[in-house]
Amino acid sequence: ELRVVQFSQDRAQLDQTATLKKVLCPEGDTVFYRGRPMHIN
């Protein structure tokens, strides 16, 4: 269950048609950084 996180040269992971909020926070207004909730702003 190895977890590999990638940064591609062409930034292919980013959906160019999606909004910034949709990319980082698809649901609601909260992201979780190291298990702790934080408002997207």
PDB file of all heavy atoms in Angstrom:
ATOM      1  N   GLU A   1       0.821  -1.216   0.000  1.00  0.00           N
ATOM      2  CA  GLU A   1       0.000   0.000   0.000  1.00  0.00           C
ATOM      3  C   GLU A   1       0.858   1.270   0.000  1.00  0.00           C
ATOM      4  O   GLU A   1       0.575   2.247   0.694  1.00  0.00           O
ATOM      5  CB  GLU A   1      -0.954   0.013   1.195  1.00  0.00           C
ATOM      6  CG  GLU A   1      -1.987  -1.110   1.142  1.00  0.00           C
ATOM      7  CD  GLU A   1      -2.985  -1.036   2.284  1.00  0.00           C
ATOM      8  OE1 GLU A   1      -2.753  -0.251   3.230  1.00  0.00           O
ATOM      9  OE2 GLU A   1      -4.001  -1.759   2.236  1.00  0.00           O
ATOM     10  N   LEU A   2       1.892   1.249  -0.812  1.00  0.00           N
ATOM     11  CA  LEU A   2       2.790   2.403  -0.918  1.00  0.00           C
ATOM     12  C   LEU A   2       2.045   3.603  -1.488  1.00  0.00           C
ATOM     13  O   LEU A   2       1.325   3.494  -2.477  1.00  0.00           O
ATOM     14  CB  LEU A   2       3.974   2.061  -1.828  1.00  0.00           C
ATOM     15  CG  LEU A   2       5.080   3.113  -1.902  1.00  0.00           C
ATOM     16  CD1 LEU A   2       5.898   3.104  -0.619  1.00  0.00           C
ATOM     17  CD2 LEU A   2       5.987   2.866  -3.108  1.00  0.00           C
ATOM     18  N   ARG A   3       2.224   4.760  -0.851  1.00  0.00           N
ATOM     19  CA  ARG A   3       1.576   5.989  -1.306  1.00  0.00           C
ATOM     20  C   ARG A   3       2.602   6.877  -2.009  1.00  0.00           C
ATOM     21  O   ARG A   3       3.528   7.388  -1.381  1.00  0.00           O
ATOM     22  CB  ARG A   3       0.945   6.728  -0.122  1.00  0.00           C
ATOM     23  CG  ARG A   3      -0.343   6.080   0.356  1.00  0.00           C
ATOM     24  CD  ARG A   3      -0.744   6.569   1.714  1.00  0.00           C
ATOM     25  NE  ARG A   3       0.141   5.992   2.722  1.00  0.00           N
ATOM     26  CZ  ARG A   3      -0.249   5.673   3.953  1.00  0.00           C
ATOM     27  NH1 ARG A   3      -1.488   5.854   4.310  1.00  0.00           N
ATOM     28  NH2 ARG A   3       0.601   5.152   4.816  1.00  0.00           N
ATOM     29  N   VAL A   4       2.425   7.004  -3.313  1.00  0.00           N
ATOM     30  CA  VAL A   4       3.320   7.805  -4.151  1.00  0.00           C
ATOM     31  C   VAL A   4       2.579   9.065  -4.583  1.00  0.00           C
ATOM     32  O   VAL A   4       1.496   8.988  -5.169  1.00  0.00           O
ATOM     33  CB  VAL A   4       3.784   7.007  -5.388  1.00  0.00           C
ATOM     34  CG1 VAL A   4       4.704   7.874  -6.253  1.00  0.00           C
ATOM     35  CG2 VAL A   4       4.500   5.729  -4.968  1.00  0.00           C
ATOM     36  N   VAL A   5       3.157  10.219  -4.297  1.00  0.00           N
ATOM     37  CA  VAL A   5       2.570  11.516  -4.678  1.00  0.00           C
ATOM     38  C   VAL A   5       3.496  12.162  -5.697  1.00  0.00           C
ATOM     39  O   VAL A   5       4.706  12.226  -5.484  1.00  0.00           O
ATOM     40  CB  VAL A   5       2.386  12.424  -3.449  1.00  0.00           C
ATOM     41  CG1 VAL A   5       1.861  13.792  -3.864  1.00  0.00           C
ATOM     42  CG2 VAL A   5       1.422  11.773  -2.455  1.00  0.00           C
ATOM     43  N   GLN A   6       2.922  12.662  -6.797  1.00  0.00           N
ATOM     44  CA  GLN A   6       3.751  13.090  -7.925  1.00  0.00           C
ATOM     45  C   GLN A   6       3.522  14.541  -8.336  1.00  0.00           C
ATOM     46  O   GLN A   6       2.418  15.064  -8.209  1.00  0.00           O
ATOM     47  CB  GLN A   6       3.484  12.185  -9.133  1.00  0.00           C
ATOM     48  CG  GLN A   6       3.761  10.711  -8.863  1.00  0.00           C
ATOM     49  CD  GLN A   6       3.565   9.869 -10.092  1.00  0.00           C
ATOM     50  OE1 GLN A   6       4.217  10.084 -11.116  1.00  0.00           O
ATOM     51  NE2 GLN A   6       2.652   8.916 -10.016  1.00  0.00           N
ATOM     52  N   PHE A   7       4.595  15.135  -8.842  1.00  0.00           N
ATOM     53  CA  PHE A   7       4.581  16.467  -9.447  1.00  0.00           C
ATOM     54  C   PHE A   7       5.123  16.280 -10.856  1.00  0.00           C
ATOM     55  O   PHE A   7       6.320  16.085 -11.046  1.00  0.00           O
ATOM     56  CB  PHE A   7       5.468  17.432  -8.652  1.00  0.00           C
ATOM     57  CG  PHE A   7       5.415  18.872  -9.100  1.00  0.00           C
ATOM     58  CD1 PHE A   7       4.934  19.853  -8.252  1.00  0.00           C
ATOM     59  CD2 PHE A   7       5.857  19.251 -10.368  1.00  0.00           C
ATOM     60  CE1 PHE A   7       4.896  21.190  -8.654  1.00  0.00           C
ATOM     61  CE2 PHE A   7       5.822  20.570 -10.785  1.00  0.00           C
ATOM     62  CZ  PHE A   7       5.336  21.537  -9.920  1.00  0.00           C
ATOM     63  N   SER A   8       4.237  16.305 -11.855  1.00  0.00           N
ATOM     64  CA  SER A   8       4.678  16.073 -13.229  1.00  0.00           C
ATOM     65  C   SER A   8       5.136  17.377 -13.867  1.00  0.00           C
ATOM     66  O   SER A   8       4.657  18.458 -13.537  1.00  0.00           O
ATOM     67  CB  SER A   8       3.557  15.448 -14.065  1.00  0.00           C
ATOM     68  OG  SER A   8       2.448  16.321 -14.125  1.00  0.00           O
ATOM     69  N   GLN A   9       6.074  17.249 -14.787  1.00  0.00           N
ATOM     70  CA  GLN A   9       6.640  18.417 -15.447  1.00  0.00           C
ATOM     71  C   GLN A   9       5.575  19.215 -16.193  1.00  0.00           C
ATOM     72  O   GLN A   9       5.613  20.452 -16.208  1.00  0.00           O
ATOM     73  CB  GLN A   9       7.736  17.975 -16.423  1.00  0.00           C
ATOM     74  CG  GLN A   9       8.488  19.120 -17.083  1.00  0.00           C
ATOM     75  CD  GLN A   9       9.637  18.610 -17.926  1.00  0.00           C
ATOM     76  OE1 GLN A   9       9.911  17.420 -17.970  1.00  0.00           O
ATOM     77  NE2 GLN A   9      10.322  19.510 -18.602  1.00  0.00           N
ATOM     78  N   ASP A  10       4.608  18.518 -16.797  1.00  0.00           N
ATOM     79  CA  ASP A  10       3.552  19.204 -17.549  1.00  0.00           C
ATOM     80  C   ASP A  10       2.336  19.532 -16.689  1.00  0.00           C
ATOM     81  O   ASP A  10       1.326  20.012 -17.186  1.00  0.00           O
ATOM     82  CB  ASP A  10       3.121  18.367 -18.750  1.00  0.00           C
ATOM     83  CG  ASP A  10       2.620  16.977 -18.348  1.00  0.00           C
ATOM     84  OD1 ASP A  10       2.524  16.707 -17.129  1.00  0.00           O
ATOM     85  OD2 ASP A  10       2.343  16.168 -19.242  1.00  0.00           O
ATOM     86  N   ARG A  11       2.445  19.253 -15.358  1.00  0.00           N
ATOM     87  CA  ARG A  11       1.371  19.530 -14.395  1.00  0.00           C
ATOM     88  C   ARG A  11       0.050  18.891 -14.841  1.00  0.00           C
ATOM     89  O   ARG A  11      -1.025  19.484 -14.743  1.00  0.00           O
ATOM     90  CB  ARG A  11       1.195  21.038 -14.220  1.00  0.00           C
ATOM     91  CG  ARG A  11       2.504  21.710 -13.817  1.00  0.00           C
ATOM     92  CD  ARG A  11       2.350  23.181 -13.546  1.00  0.00           C
ATOM     93  NE  ARG A  11       3.644  23.748 -13.237  1.00  0.00           N
ATOM     94  CZ  ARG A  11       4.333  24.534 -14.050  1.00  0.00           C
ATOM     95  NH1 ARG A  11       3.839  24.840 -15.222  1.00  0.00           N
ATOM     96  NH2 ARG A  11       5.508  25.003 -13.707  1.00  0.00           N
ATOM     97  N   ALA A  12       0.178  17.650 -15.334  1.00  0.00           N
ATOM     98  CA  ALA A  12      -0.991  16.941 -15.879  1.00  0.00           C
ATOM     99  C   ALA A  12      -2.032  16.651 -14.813  1.00  0.00           C
ATOM    100  O   ALA A  12      -3.202  16.405 -15.133  1.00  0.00           O
ATOM    101  CB  ALA A  12      -0.529  15.629 -16.539  1.00  0.00           C
ATOM    102  N   GLN A  13      -1.617  16.663 -13.529  1.00  0.00           N
ATOM    103  CA  GLN A  13      -2.599  16.376 -12.468  1.00  0.00           C
ATOM    104  C   GLN A  13      -3.653  17.459 -12.342  1.00  0.00           C
ATOM    105  O   GLN A  13      -4.719  17.234 -11.768  1.00  0.00           O
ATOM    106  CB  GLN A  13      -1.897  16.220 -11.108  1.00  0.00           C
ATOM    107  CG  GLN A  13      -0.867  15.106 -11.061  1.00  0.00           C
ATOM    108  CD  GLN A  13       0.535  15.656 -11.225  1.00  0.00           C
ATOM    109  OE1 GLN A  13       0.807  16.430 -12.128  1.00  0.00           O
ATOM    110  NE2 GLN A  13       1.422  15.256 -10.337  1.00  0.00           N
ATOM    111  N   LEU A  14      -3.349  18.653 -12.832  1.00  0.00           N
ATOM    112  CA  LEU A  14      -4.276  19.773 -12.686  1.00  0.00           C
ATOM    113  C   LEU A  14      -5.272  19.805 -13.840  1.00  0.00           C
ATOM    114  O   LEU A  14      -4.883  19.882 -15.008  1.00  0.00           O
ATOM    115  CB  LEU A  14      -3.508  21.097 -12.629  1.00  0.00           C
ATOM    116  CG  LEU A  14      -2.594  21.308 -11.424  1.00  0.00           C
ATOM    117  CD1 LEU A  14      -1.845  22.628 -11.561  1.00  0.00           C
ATOM    118  CD2 LEU A  14      -3.394  21.291 -10.128  1.00  0.00           C
ATOM    119  N   ASP A  15      -6.543  19.766 -13.505  1.00  0.00           N
ATOM    120  CA  ASP A  15      -7.604  19.912 -14.500  1.00  0.00           C
ATOM    121  C   ASP A  15      -7.696  21.390 -14.864  1.00  0.00           C
ATOM    122  O   ASP A  15      -8.125  22.220 -14.051  1.00  0.00           O
ATOM    123  CB  ASP A  15      -8.923  19.406 -13.916  1.00  0.00           C
ATOM    124  CG  ASP A  15     -10.076  19.509 -14.915  1.00  0.00           C
ATOM    125  OD1 ASP A  15      -9.887  20.092 -15.999  1.00  0.00           O
ATOM    126  OD2 ASP A  15     -11.164  19.015 -14.587  1.00  0.00           O
ATOM    127  N   GLN A  16      -7.277  21.728 -16.070  1.00  0.00           N
ATOM    128  CA  GLN A  16      -7.192  23.121 -16.479  1.00  0.00           C
ATOM    129  C   GLN A  16      -8.556  23.810 -16.537  1.00  0.00           C
ATOM    130  O   GLN A  16      -8.634  25.034 -16.496  1.00  0.00           O
ATOM    131  CB  GLN A  16      -6.497  23.227 -17.842  1.00  0.00           C
ATOM    132  CG  GLN A  16      -5.050  22.784 -17.841  1.00  0.00           C
ATOM    133  CD  GLN A  16      -4.160  23.706 -17.036  1.00  0.00           C
ATOM    134  OE1 GLN A  16      -4.273  24.934 -17.120  1.00  0.00           O
ATOM    135  NE2 GLN A  16      -3.267  23.140 -16.234  1.00  0.00           N
ATOM    136  N   THR A  17      -9.626  23.046 -16.630  1.00  0.00           N
ATOM    137  CA  THR A  17     -10.956  23.652 -16.728  1.00  0.00           C
ATOM    138  C   THR A  17     -11.647  23.762 -15.369  1.00  0.00           C
ATOM    139  O   THR A  17     -12.709  24.380 -15.259  1.00  0.00           O
ATOM    140  CB  THR A  17     -11.861  22.827 -17.666  1.00  0.00           C
ATOM    141  OG1 THR A  17     -12.039  21.507 -17.117  1.00  0.00           O
ATOM    142  CG2 THR A  17     -11.231  22.707 -19.045  1.00  0.00           C
ATOM    143  N   ALA A  18     -11.046  23.161 -14.343  1.00  0.00           N
ATOM    144  CA  ALA A  18     -11.638  23.201 -13.003  1.00  0.00           C
ATOM    145  C   ALA A  18     -11.257  24.491 -12.294  1.00  0.00           C
ATOM    146  O   ALA A  18     -10.250  25.132 -12.614  1.00  0.00           O
ATOM    147  CB  ALA A  18     -11.180  21.998 -12.180  1.00  0.00           C
ATOM    148  N   THR A  19     -12.054  24.887 -11.322  1.00  0.00           N
ATOM    149  CA  THR A  19     -11.731  26.070 -10.524  1.00  0.00           C
ATOM    150  C   THR A  19     -10.703  25.702  -9.461  1.00  0.00           C
ATOM    151  O   THR A  19     -10.507  24.522  -9.135  1.00  0.00           O
ATOM    152  CB  THR A  19     -12.970  26.633  -9.826  1.00  0.00           C
ATOM    153  OG1 THR A  19     -13.475  25.655  -8.896  1.00  0.00           O
ATOM    154  CG2 THR A  19     -14.040  26.987 -10.841  1.00  0.00           C
ATOM    155  N   LEU A  20     -10.048  26.722  -8.924  1.00  0.00           N
ATOM    156  CA  LEU A  20      -9.062  26.504  -7.869  1.00  0.00           C
ATOM    157  C   LEU A  20      -9.705  25.795  -6.679  1.00  0.00           C
ATOM    158  O   LEU A  20      -9.114  24.880  -6.096  1.00  0.00           O
ATOM    159  CB  LEU A  20      -8.475  27.848  -7.437  1.00  0.00           C
ATOM    160  CG  LEU A  20      -7.475  27.831  -6.292  1.00  0.00           C
ATOM    161  CD1 LEU A  20      -6.281  26.932  -6.595  1.00  0.00           C
ATOM    162  CD2 LEU A  20      -6.994  29.256  -5.985  1.00  0.00           C
ATOM    163  N   LYS A  21     -10.895  26.197  -6.321  1.00  0.00           N
ATOM    164  CA  LYS A  21     -11.580  25.567  -5.189  1.00  0.00           C
ATOM    165  C   LYS A  21     -11.855  24.096  -5.470  1.00  0.00           C
ATOM    166  O   LYS A  21     -11.660  23.241  -4.605  1.00  0.00           O
ATOM    167  CB  LYS A  21     -12.887  26.292  -4.880  1.00  0.00           C
ATOM    168  CG  LYS A  21     -13.634  25.710  -3.678  1.00  0.00           C
ATOM    169  CD  LYS A  21     -14.931  26.453  -3.412  1.00  0.00           C
ATOM    170  CE  LYS A  21     -15.616  25.914  -2.158  1.00  0.00           C
ATOM    171  NZ  LYS A  21     -15.915  24.475  -2.267  1.00  0.00           N
ATOM    172  N   LYS A  22     -12.303  23.788  -6.678  1.00  0.00           N
ATOM    173  CA  LYS A  22     -12.640  22.409  -7.042  1.00  0.00           C
ATOM    174  C   LYS A  22     -11.395  21.522  -6.996  1.00  0.00           C
ATOM    175  O   LYS A  22     -11.466  20.357  -6.582  1.00  0.00           O
ATOM    176  CB  LYS A  22     -13.243  22.378  -8.444  1.00  0.00           C
ATOM    177  CG  LYS A  22     -13.817  21.025  -8.854  1.00  0.00           C
ATOM    178  CD  LYS A  22     -15.082  20.716  -8.090  1.00  0.00           C
ATOM    179  CE  LYS A  22     -15.747  19.455  -8.615  1.00  0.00           C
ATOM    180  NZ  LYS A  22     -16.954  19.099  -7.844  1.00  0.00           N
ATOM    181  N   VAL A  23     -10.266  22.070  -7.388  1.00  0.00           N
ATOM    182  CA  VAL A  23      -9.029  21.293  -7.404  1.00  0.00           C
ATOM    183  C   VAL A  23      -8.566  20.951  -5.991  1.00  0.00           C
ATOM    184  O   VAL A  23      -8.170  19.817  -5.707  1.00  0.00           O
ATOM    185  CB  VAL A  23      -7.920  22.062  -8.161  1.00  0.00           C
ATOM    186  CG1 VAL A  23      -6.545  21.460  -7.898  1.00  0.00           C
ATOM    187  CG2 VAL A  23      -8.205  22.051  -9.654  1.00  0.00           C
ATOM    188  N   LEU A  24      -8.631  21.932  -5.094  1.00  0.00           N
ATOM    189  CA  LEU A  24      -8.092  21.723  -3.750  1.00  0.00           C
ATOM    190  C   LEU A  24      -9.152  21.274  -2.748  1.00  0.00           C
ATOM    191  O   LEU A  24      -8.816  20.650  -1.734  1.00  0.00           O
ATOM    192  CB  LEU A  24      -7.434  23.014  -3.249  1.00  0.00           C
ATOM    193  CG  LEU A  24      -6.179  23.458  -4.003  1.00  0.00           C
ATOM    194  CD1 LEU A  24      -5.651  24.761  -3.429  1.00  0.00           C
ATOM    195  CD2 LEU A  24      -5.104  22.392  -3.956  1.00  0.00           C
ATOM    196  N   CYS A  25     -10.391  21.601  -3.014  1.00  0.00           N
ATOM    197  CA  CYS A  25     -11.448  21.295  -2.038  1.00  0.00           C
ATOM    198  C   CYS A  25     -12.740  20.955  -2.775  1.00  0.00           C
ATOM    199  O   CYS A  25     -13.640  21.792  -2.868  1.00  0.00           O
ATOM    200  CB  CYS A  25     -11.634  22.502  -1.115  1.00  0.00           C
ATOM    201  SG  CYS A  25     -12.714  22.226   0.281  1.00  0.00           S
ATOM    202  N   PRO A  26     -12.839  19.723  -3.316  1.00  0.00           N
ATOM    203  CA  PRO A  26     -14.006  19.360  -4.130  1.00  0.00           C
ATOM    204  C   PRO A  26     -15.330  19.433  -3.380  1.00  0.00           C
ATOM    205  O   PRO A  26     -16.364  19.717  -3.970  1.00  0.00           O
ATOM    206  CB  PRO A  26     -13.695  17.913  -4.545  1.00  0.00           C
ATOM    207  CG  PRO A  26     -12.218  17.768  -4.398  1.00  0.00           C
ATOM    208  CD  PRO A  26     -11.841  18.645  -3.256  1.00  0.00           C
ATOM    209  N   GLU A  27     -15.300  19.171  -2.075  1.00  0.00           N
ATOM    210  CA  GLU A  27     -16.523  19.171  -1.280  1.00  0.00           C
ATOM    211  C   GLU A  27     -16.389  20.150  -0.107  1.00  0.00           C
ATOM    212  O   GLU A  27     -15.404  20.105   0.626  1.00  0.00           O
ATOM    213  CB  GLU A  27     -16.815  17.770  -0.739  1.00  0.00           C
ATOM    214  CG  GLU A  27     -16.962  16.699  -1.819  1.00  0.00           C
ATOM    215  CD  GLU A  27     -18.204  16.886  -2.658  1.00  0.00           C
ATOM    216  OE1 GLU A  27     -19.143  17.549  -2.173  1.00  0.00           O
ATOM    217  OE2 GLU A  27     -18.244  16.367  -3.795  1.00  0.00           O
ATOM    218  N   GLY A  28     -17.374  21.000   0.085  1.00  0.00           N
ATOM    219  CA  GLY A  28     -17.374  21.910   1.228  1.00  0.00           C
ATOM    220  C   GLY A  28     -16.323  22.990   1.132  1.00  0.00           C
ATOM    221  O   GLY A  28     -15.839  23.336   0.047  1.00  0.00           O
ATOM    222  N   ASP A  29     -15.942  23.522   2.298  1.00  0.00           N
ATOM    223  CA  ASP A  29     -14.978  24.620   2.372  1.00  0.00           C
ATOM    224  C   ASP A  29     -13.784  24.284   3.254  1.00  0.00           C
ATOM    225  O   ASP A  29     -13.056  25.182   3.683  1.00  0.00           O
ATOM    226  CB  ASP A  29     -15.656  25.882   2.936  1.00  0.00           C
ATOM    227  CG  ASP A  29     -16.762  26.392   2.025  1.00  0.00           C
ATOM    228  OD1 ASP A  29     -16.518  26.465   0.806  1.00  0.00           O
ATOM    229  OD2 ASP A  29     -17.856  26.691   2.537  1.00  0.00           O
ATOM    230  N   THR A  30     -13.580  22.997   3.521  1.00  0.00           N
ATOM    231  CA  THR A  30     -12.538  22.592   4.462  1.00  0.00           C
ATOM    232  C   THR A  30     -11.546  21.635   3.811  1.00  0.00           C
ATOM    233  O   THR A  30     -11.949  20.685   3.134  1.00  0.00           O
ATOM    234  CB  THR A  30     -13.154  21.907   5.698  1.00  0.00           C
ATOM    235  OG1 THR A  30     -14.074  22.804   6.315  1.00  0.00           O
ATOM    236  CG2 THR A  30     -12.083  21.540   6.709  1.00  0.00           C
ATOM    237  N   VAL A  31     -10.248  21.913   4.007  1.00  0.00           N
ATOM    238  CA  VAL A  31      -9.205  20.969   3.618  1.00  0.00           C
ATOM    239  C   VAL A  31      -8.626  20.381   4.898  1.00  0.00           C
ATOM    240  O   VAL A  31      -8.799  20.936   5.990  1.00  0.00           O
ATOM    241  CB  VAL A  31      -8.095  21.647   2.791  1.00  0.00           C
ATOM    242  CG1 VAL A  31      -8.650  22.210   1.495  1.00  0.00           C
ATOM    243  CG2 VAL A  31      -7.393  22.743   3.590  1.00  0.00           C
ATOM    244  N   PHE A  32      -7.929  19.265   4.766  1.00  0.00           N
ATOM    245  CA  PHE A  32      -7.324  18.622   5.932  1.00  0.00           C
ATOM    246  C   PHE A  32      -5.816  18.528   5.715  1.00  0.00           C
ATOM    247  O   PHE A  32      -5.346  17.853   4.809  1.00  0.00           O
ATOM    248  CB  PHE A  32      -7.923  17.232   6.159  1.00  0.00           C
ATOM    249  CG  PHE A  32      -9.334  17.281   6.663  1.00  0.00           C
ATOM    250  CD1 PHE A  32     -10.396  17.389   5.777  1.00  0.00           C
ATOM    251  CD2 PHE A  32      -9.597  17.246   8.027  1.00  0.00           C
ATOM    252  CE1 PHE A  32     -11.706  17.460   6.237  1.00  0.00           C
ATOM    253  CE2 PHE A  32     -10.895  17.319   8.505  1.00  0.00           C
ATOM    254  CZ  PHE A  32     -11.951  17.424   7.600  1.00  0.00           C
ATOM    255  N   TYR A  33      -5.089  19.261   6.551  1.00  0.00           N
ATOM    256  CA  TYR A  33      -3.629  19.268   6.473  1.00  0.00           C
ATOM    257  C   TYR A  33      -3.077  18.541   7.698  1.00  0.00           C
ATOM    258  O   TYR A  33      -3.282  18.971   8.821  1.00  0.00           O
ATOM    259  CB  TYR A  33      -3.103  20.702   6.414  1.00  0.00           C
ATOM    260  CG  TYR A  33      -1.595  20.809   6.442  1.00  0.00           C
ATOM    261  CD1 TYR A  33      -0.830  20.228   5.434  1.00  0.00           C
ATOM    262  CD2 TYR A  33      -0.947  21.488   7.470  1.00  0.00           C
ATOM    263  CE1 TYR A  33       0.547  20.326   5.453  1.00  0.00           C
ATOM    264  CE2 TYR A  33       0.436  21.592   7.490  1.00  0.00           C
ATOM    265  CZ  TYR A  33       1.180  21.004   6.485  1.00  0.00           C
ATOM    266  OH  TYR A  33       2.555  21.099   6.504  1.00  0.00           O
ATOM    267  N   ARG A  34      -2.415  17.421   7.433  1.00  0.00           N
ATOM    268  CA  ARG A  34      -1.880  16.574   8.511  1.00  0.00           C
ATOM    269  C   ARG A  34      -2.965  16.188   9.512  1.00  0.00           C
ATOM    270  O   ARG A  34      -2.754  16.188  10.724  1.00  0.00           O
ATOM    271  CB  ARG A  34      -0.704  17.253   9.199  1.00  0.00           C
ATOM    272  CG  ARG A  34       0.396  17.637   8.222  1.00  0.00           C
ATOM    273  CD  ARG A  34       1.708  17.945   8.871  1.00  0.00           C
ATOM    274  NE  ARG A  34       2.739  18.194   7.860  1.00  0.00           N
ATOM    275  CZ  ARG A  34       4.034  18.264   8.100  1.00  0.00           C
ATOM    276  NH1 ARG A  34       4.470  18.093   9.336  1.00  0.00           N
ATOM    277  NH2 ARG A  34       4.894  18.486   7.122  1.00  0.00           N
ATOM    278  N   GLY A  35      -4.161  15.907   8.954  1.00  0.00           N
ATOM    279  CA  GLY A  35      -5.267  15.439   9.776  1.00  0.00           C
ATOM    280  C   GLY A  35      -6.077  16.519  10.451  1.00  0.00           C
ATOM    281  O   GLY A  35      -7.085  16.229  11.106  1.00  0.00           O
ATOM    282  N   ARG A  36      -5.675  17.774  10.297  1.00  0.00           N
ATOM    283  CA  ARG A  36      -6.383  18.874  10.961  1.00  0.00           C
ATOM    284  C   ARG A  36      -7.175  19.688   9.944  1.00  0.00           C
ATOM    285  O   ARG A  36      -6.664  20.009   8.874  1.00  0.00           O
ATOM    286  CB  ARG A  36      -5.395  19.779  11.692  1.00  0.00           C
ATOM    287  CG  ARG A  36      -4.636  19.079  12.810  1.00  0.00           C
ATOM    288  CD  ARG A  36      -3.689  20.026  13.496  1.00  0.00           C
ATOM    289  NE  ARG A  36      -2.974  19.382  14.594  1.00  0.00           N
ATOM    290  CZ  ARG A  36      -2.062  19.997  15.352  1.00  0.00           C
ATOM    291  NH1 ARG A  36      -1.762  21.269  15.126  1.00  0.00           N
ATOM    292  NH2 ARG A  36      -1.461  19.322  16.324  1.00  0.00           N
ATOM    293  N   PRO A  37      -8.426  20.025  10.271  1.00  0.00           N
ATOM    294  CA  PRO A  37      -9.240  20.805   9.333  1.00  0.00           C
ATOM    295  C   PRO A  37      -8.759  22.243   9.234  1.00  0.00           C
ATOM    296  O   PRO A  37      -8.295  22.838  10.217  1.00  0.00           O
ATOM    297  CB  PRO A  37     -10.638  20.736   9.945  1.00  0.00           C
ATOM    298  CG  PRO A  37     -10.400  20.535  11.408  1.00  0.00           C
ATOM    299  CD  PRO A  37      -9.155  19.699  11.515  1.00  0.00           C
ATOM    300  N   MET A  38      -8.870  22.802   8.033  1.00  0.00           N
ATOM    301  CA  MET A  38      -8.495  24.195   7.796  1.00  0.00           C
ATOM    302  C   MET A  38      -9.399  24.749   6.709  1.00  0.00           C
ATOM    303  O   MET A  38      -9.657  24.073   5.705  1.00  0.00           O
ATOM    304  CB  MET A  38      -7.019  24.290   7.365  1.00  0.00           C
ATOM    305  CG  MET A  38      -6.533  25.713   7.133  1.00  0.00           C
ATOM    306  SD  MET A  38      -4.797  25.787   6.605  1.00  0.00           S
ATOM    307  CE  MET A  38      -3.964  25.135   8.043  1.00  0.00           C
ATOM    308  N   HIS A  39      -9.887  25.945   6.905  1.00  0.00           N
ATOM    309  CA  HIS A  39     -10.740  26.558   5.899  1.00  0.00           C
ATOM    310  C   HIS A  39      -9.926  26.782   4.626  1.00  0.00           C
ATOM    311  O   HIS A  39      -8.749  27.136   4.679  1.00  0.00           O
ATOM    312  CB  HIS A  39     -11.308  27.886   6.400  1.00  0.00           C
ATOM    313  CG  HIS A  39     -12.440  28.404   5.566  1.00  0.00           C
ATOM    314  ND1 HIS A  39     -12.236  29.141   4.416  1.00  0.00           N
ATOM    315  CD2 HIS A  39     -13.791  28.266   5.687  1.00  0.00           C
ATOM    316  CE1 HIS A  39     -13.398  29.454   3.887  1.00  0.00           C
ATOM    317  NE2 HIS A  39     -14.364  28.928   4.635  1.00  0.00           N
ATOM    318  N   ILE A  40     -10.571  26.578   3.482  1.00  0.00           N
ATOM    319  CA  ILE A  40      -9.883  26.684   2.202  1.00  0.00           C
ATOM    320  C   ILE A  40      -9.228  28.050   2.019  1.00  0.00           C
ATOM    321  O   ILE A  40      -8.129  28.149   1.468  1.00  0.00           O
ATOM    322  CB  ILE A  40     -10.863  26.393   1.034  1.00  0.00           C
ATOM    323  CG1 ILE A  40     -10.158  26.462  -0.316  1.00  0.00           C
ATOM    324  CG2 ILE A  40     -12.048  27.327   1.071  1.00  0.00           C
ATOM    325  CD1 ILE A  40      -9.088  25.445  -0.515  1.00  0.00           C
ATOM    326  N   ASN A  41      -9.866  29.120   2.502  1.00  0.00           N
ATOM    327  CA  ASN A  41      -9.276  30.459   2.365  1.00  0.00           C
ATOM    328  C   ASN A  41      -7.972  30.574   3.147  1.00  0.00           C
ATOM    329  O   ASN A  41      -6.999  31.170   2.672  1.00  0.00           O
ATOM    330  CB  ASN A  41     -10.257  31.526   2.850  1.00  0.00           C
ATOM    331  CG  ASN A  41     -11.422  31.718   1.898  1.00  0.00           C
ATOM    332  OD1 ASN A  41     -11.364  31.283   0.747  1.00  0.00           O
ATOM    333  ND2 ASN A  41     -12.479  32.348   2.366  1.00  0.00           N
TER     334      ASN A  41
END
